[in-house]
């Protein structure tokens, strides 16, 4: 699965938690969940759980801690998908 496909699949997962619609509309792989989209850290856990379900993967705590921006999230998803 390429980056663009992953971003498109992530958008509906992230959207309910976004506080900054303008930043969401400009989402790209450099977008940071907390600083750019104003998503609080508690909601990041919800996003991770939704990502696990959407991609049928399991994300360990170490990986979860790195999922602060789209770039890292994409890399982690790709890594988990490749080892499935």
Protein backbone atom coordinates (compact mmCIF):
# COMPACT_ATOMS: atom_id res chain seq x y z
CA UNK A 1 0.00 0.00 0.00
CA UNK A 2 1.53 3.35 -1.00
CA UNK A 3 1.61 6.59 1.00
CA UNK A 4 -1.29 8.20 -0.86
CA UNK A 5 -3.53 5.17 -0.30
CA UNK A 6 -2.67 5.13 3.39
CA UNK A 7 -3.33 8.89 3.74
CA UNK A 8 -6.73 8.48 2.05
CA UNK A 9 -7.59 5.65 4.44
CA UNK A 10 -6.37 7.69 7.44
CA UNK A 11 -8.40 10.82 6.67
CA UNK A 12 -11.81 9.48 7.84
CA UNK A 13 -10.13 8.02 10.94
CA UNK A 14 -8.50 11.32 11.92
CA UNK A 15 -11.27 13.74 10.87
CA UNK A 16 -13.61 13.31 13.91
CA UNK A 17 -10.78 14.40 16.25
CA UNK A 18 -9.51 17.40 14.26
CA UNK A 19 -9.90 20.84 15.81
CA UNK A 20 -8.43 22.74 12.83
CA UNK A 21 -10.38 22.11 9.61
CA UNK A 22 -8.06 24.31 7.53
CA UNK A 23 -5.04 22.23 8.54
CA UNK A 24 -6.99 19.02 7.89
CA UNK A 25 -7.83 20.17 4.36
CA UNK A 26 -4.10 20.66 3.73
CA UNK A 27 -3.12 17.31 5.27
CA UNK A 28 0.10 15.76 3.95
CA UNK A 29 2.78 13.41 5.23
CA UNK A 30 4.47 16.20 7.23
CA UNK A 31 1.25 16.97 9.16
CA UNK A 32 1.69 16.63 12.95
CA UNK A 33 -1.39 15.38 14.80
CA UNK A 34 -0.99 17.53 17.91
CA UNK A 35 0.59 20.76 16.69
CA UNK A 36 -1.02 21.00 13.24
CA UNK A 37 -4.42 19.36 13.72
CA UNK A 38 -4.82 20.21 17.43
CA UNK A 39 -5.69 16.62 18.32
CA UNK A 40 -5.19 15.92 22.02
CA UNK A 41 -3.06 13.02 23.17
CA UNK A 42 -6.03 11.06 24.56
CA UNK A 43 -7.62 11.10 21.11
CA UNK A 44 -4.38 9.82 19.59
CA UNK A 45 -5.02 6.54 21.40
CA UNK A 46 -8.46 6.35 19.76
CA UNK A 47 -6.85 7.03 16.38
CA UNK A 48 -4.31 4.24 16.92
CA UNK A 49 -7.08 1.79 17.85
CA UNK A 50 -9.04 2.79 14.73
CA UNK A 51 -5.89 2.42 12.59
CA UNK A 52 -5.36 -1.09 13.95
CA UNK A 53 -8.90 -2.01 12.99
CA UNK A 54 -8.88 -0.32 9.57
CA UNK A 55 -5.59 -1.87 8.47
CA UNK A 56 -5.98 -5.18 10.38
CA UNK A 57 -2.66 -4.69 12.16
CA UNK A 58 -1.44 -4.61 15.75
CA UNK A 59 0.52 -1.60 16.93
CA UNK A 60 2.79 -2.07 19.93
CA UNK A 61 3.36 0.64 22.55
CA UNK A 62 6.78 1.58 21.18
CA UNK A 63 5.34 2.18 17.71
CA UNK A 64 2.33 4.00 19.14
CA UNK A 65 4.59 6.53 20.87
CA UNK A 66 6.15 7.39 17.48
CA UNK A 67 2.81 8.00 15.75
CA UNK A 68 2.77 11.77 16.23
CA UNK A 69 2.77 12.78 12.58
CA UNK A 70 1.53 11.31 9.34
CA UNK A 71 5.01 10.44 8.09
CA UNK A 72 5.79 8.18 11.08
CA UNK A 73 2.27 6.76 11.06
CA UNK A 74 2.59 5.82 7.39
CA UNK A 75 5.98 4.17 7.98
CA UNK A 76 4.64 2.17 10.93
CA UNK A 77 1.55 1.05 8.98
CA UNK A 78 3.71 0.01 6.02
CA UNK A 79 6.07 -1.88 8.33
CA UNK A 80 3.23 -3.69 10.09
CA UNK A 81 1.53 -4.55 6.79
CA UNK A 82 4.75 -5.98 5.38
CA UNK A 83 5.17 -8.34 8.34
CA UNK A 84 1.56 -9.55 8.27
